[in-house]
């Protein structure tokens, strides 16, 4: 294929993934407006969610076991169509989670009536214990 690359997002209509596919298409179009020739949405069935650049598979929900984050998909597409293009904040690593966020994800912080300060203190204690419990090399 000559010219600018074609990005194709194949999505499952039975699973109602059109909105997710359209959102990712919009993200890719906005980021790579001068580098792409076309972004196509291709309906399918059977739980498919794949992203291809010129028929090369870039992302498969089946292989990865999840949907792509917009930033990681932009990085994968960029590496194929515009390797030197900076992506700004999409190239940065996310900041480390706070101890409160870690504890909340792990379910350590319950839904009791305590205030935010109490919850933060509980989270910090939990994280300190978890860090101490890790075997050191």
Protein backbone atom coordinates (compact mmCIF):
# COMPACT_ATOMS: atom_id res chain seq x y z
CA UNK A 1 0.00 0.00 0.00
CA UNK A 2 1.41 3.39 -0.99
CA UNK A 3 0.83 6.60 0.91
CA UNK A 4 -0.29 6.99 4.46
CA UNK A 5 -1.25 3.95 6.58
CA UNK A 6 -4.74 2.68 7.24
CA UNK A 7 -5.74 1.97 10.84
CA UNK A 8 -8.55 -0.52 11.29
CA UNK A 9 -10.48 -1.19 14.49
CA UNK A 10 -12.50 -4.40 14.38
CA UNK A 11 -15.14 -4.58 17.11
CA UNK A 12 -17.95 -6.91 18.17
CA UNK A 13 -21.46 -5.62 17.47
CA UNK A 14 -23.03 -8.31 19.68
CA UNK A 15 -21.00 -7.01 22.63
CA UNK A 16 -21.96 -3.40 21.86
CA UNK A 17 -18.36 -2.20 21.61
CA UNK A 18 -19.02 0.44 18.94
CA UNK A 19 -18.69 3.36 21.38
CA UNK A 20 -15.34 2.10 22.67
CA UNK A 21 -14.10 1.57 19.11
CA UNK A 22 -15.32 5.01 18.03
CA UNK A 23 -13.68 6.68 21.02
CA UNK A 24 -10.34 5.01 20.31
CA UNK A 25 -10.69 5.90 16.61
CA UNK A 26 -11.21 9.54 17.58
CA UNK A 27 -8.15 9.42 19.87
CA UNK A 28 -6.02 7.98 17.06
CA UNK A 29 -7.35 10.45 14.48
CA UNK A 30 -6.66 13.39 16.76
CA UNK A 31 -3.14 12.21 17.59
CA UNK A 32 -2.11 11.08 14.10
CA UNK A 33 -4.13 13.41 11.88
CA UNK A 34 -1.18 14.11 9.54
CA UNK A 35 0.27 10.58 9.59
CA UNK A 36 -2.80 8.44 8.79
CA UNK A 37 -4.68 8.02 5.58
CA UNK A 38 -7.76 6.50 7.17
CA UNK A 39 -9.17 5.09 10.40
CA UNK A 40 -11.86 2.50 9.75
CA UNK A 41 -14.36 0.87 12.09
CA UNK A 42 -15.09 -2.69 10.99
CA UNK A 43 -18.05 -4.45 12.65
CA UNK A 44 -17.65 -8.10 13.59
CA UNK A 45 -18.96 -10.73 15.99
CA UNK A 46 -17.68 -13.27 18.47
CA UNK A 47 -16.10 -10.86 20.96
CA UNK A 48 -13.55 -9.44 18.54
CA UNK A 49 -11.71 -6.24 19.38
CA UNK A 50 -8.58 -5.78 17.29
CA UNK A 51 -6.55 -2.84 16.06
CA UNK A 52 -4.54 -3.19 12.87
CA UNK A 53 -2.18 -0.89 11.02
CA UNK A 54 -1.98 -1.80 7.33
CA UNK A 55 -3.18 -5.35 8.12
CA UNK A 56 -0.56 -5.82 10.87
CA UNK A 57 -2.16 -6.75 14.19
CA UNK A 58 -1.27 -4.15 16.81
CA UNK A 59 -3.73 -5.07 19.58
CA UNK A 60 -6.04 -8.00 20.21
CA UNK A 61 -8.38 -8.12 23.18
CA UNK A 62 -8.32 -11.91 22.96
CA UNK A 63 -4.52 -12.07 23.19
CA UNK A 64 -4.14 -9.36 25.85
CA UNK A 65 -7.19 -10.37 27.90
CA UNK A 66 -8.29 -6.73 28.17
CA UNK A 67 -8.98 -3.58 26.21
CA UNK A 68 -6.10 -1.22 25.46
CA UNK A 69 -5.61 2.02 27.33
CA UNK A 70 -5.66 4.98 24.94
CA UNK A 71 -2.07 5.94 25.78
CA UNK A 72 -0.66 2.46 25.23
CA UNK A 73 -2.53 2.08 21.94
CA UNK A 74 -1.19 5.44 20.77
CA UNK A 75 2.33 4.29 21.62
CA UNK A 76 1.91 1.02 19.71
CA UNK A 77 0.49 2.79 16.65
CA UNK A 78 3.11 5.53 16.84
CA UNK A 79 5.91 2.95 16.86
CA UNK A 80 4.63 1.68 13.50
CA UNK A 81 3.63 4.84 11.65
CA UNK A 82 5.64 7.72 13.16
CA UNK A 83 8.44 6.40 15.41
CA UNK A 84 9.94 9.83 16.08
CA UNK A 85 6.67 11.54 17.01
CA UNK A 86 6.47 12.67 20.65
CA UNK A 87 3.16 11.91 22.34
CA UNK A 88 3.46 14.36 25.21
CA UNK A 89 1.79 13.10 28.37
CA UNK A 90 1.06 9.71 26.74
CA UNK A 91 4.79 8.99 26.76
CA UNK A 92 5.14 9.60 30.49
CA UNK A 93 4.84 6.85 33.05
CA UNK A 94 1.90 7.24 35.41
CA UNK A 95 2.83 8.51 38.89
CA UNK A 96 3.15 6.04 41.72
CA UNK A 97 -0.13 5.43 43.48
CA UNK A 98 -0.55 6.93 46.92
CA UNK A 99 -0.83 4.61 49.88
CA UNK A 100 -4.52 5.50 50.15
CA UNK A 101 -5.11 4.52 46.51
CA UNK A 102 -3.24 1.24 46.96
CA UNK A 103 -5.22 0.34 50.06
CA UNK A 104 -8.50 1.30 48.42
CA UNK A 105 -7.74 -0.93 45.42
CA UNK A 106 -6.90 -3.81 47.72
CA UNK A 107 -10.09 -3.31 49.70
CA UNK A 108 -8.28 -2.60 52.95
CA UNK A 109 -10.24 0.57 53.51
CA UNK A 110 -13.78 -0.34 54.41
CA UNK A 111 -16.97 1.62 54.02
CA UNK A 112 -17.15 2.63 57.64
CA UNK A 113 -18.12 6.06 58.92
CA UNK A 114 -14.55 7.17 59.61
CA UNK A 115 -13.31 10.32 57.96
CA UNK A 116 -10.70 10.68 55.22
CA UNK A 117 -7.87 11.20 57.72
CA UNK A 118 -8.65 7.94 59.51
CA UNK A 119 -8.80 6.10 56.20
CA UNK A 120 -5.51 7.59 55.06
CA UNK A 121 -3.85 6.59 58.33
CA UNK A 122 -5.17 3.01 57.96
CA UNK A 123 -3.89 2.89 54.41
CA UNK A 124 -0.43 4.11 55.39
CA UNK A 125 -0.21 1.49 58.16
CA UNK A 126 -1.23 -1.23 55.74
CA UNK A 127 1.31 -0.17 53.12
CA UNK A 128 4.09 0.07 55.72
CA UNK A 129 3.31 -3.46 56.93
CA UNK A 130 3.19 -4.75 53.37
CA UNK A 131 6.54 -3.14 52.53
CA UNK A 132 8.17 -4.54 55.68
CA UNK A 133 6.82 -8.00 54.92
CA UNK A 134 8.48 -8.12 51.50
CA UNK A 135 11.61 -10.27 51.49
CA UNK A 136 14.67 -8.23 50.62
CA UNK A 137 17.16 -9.50 48.04
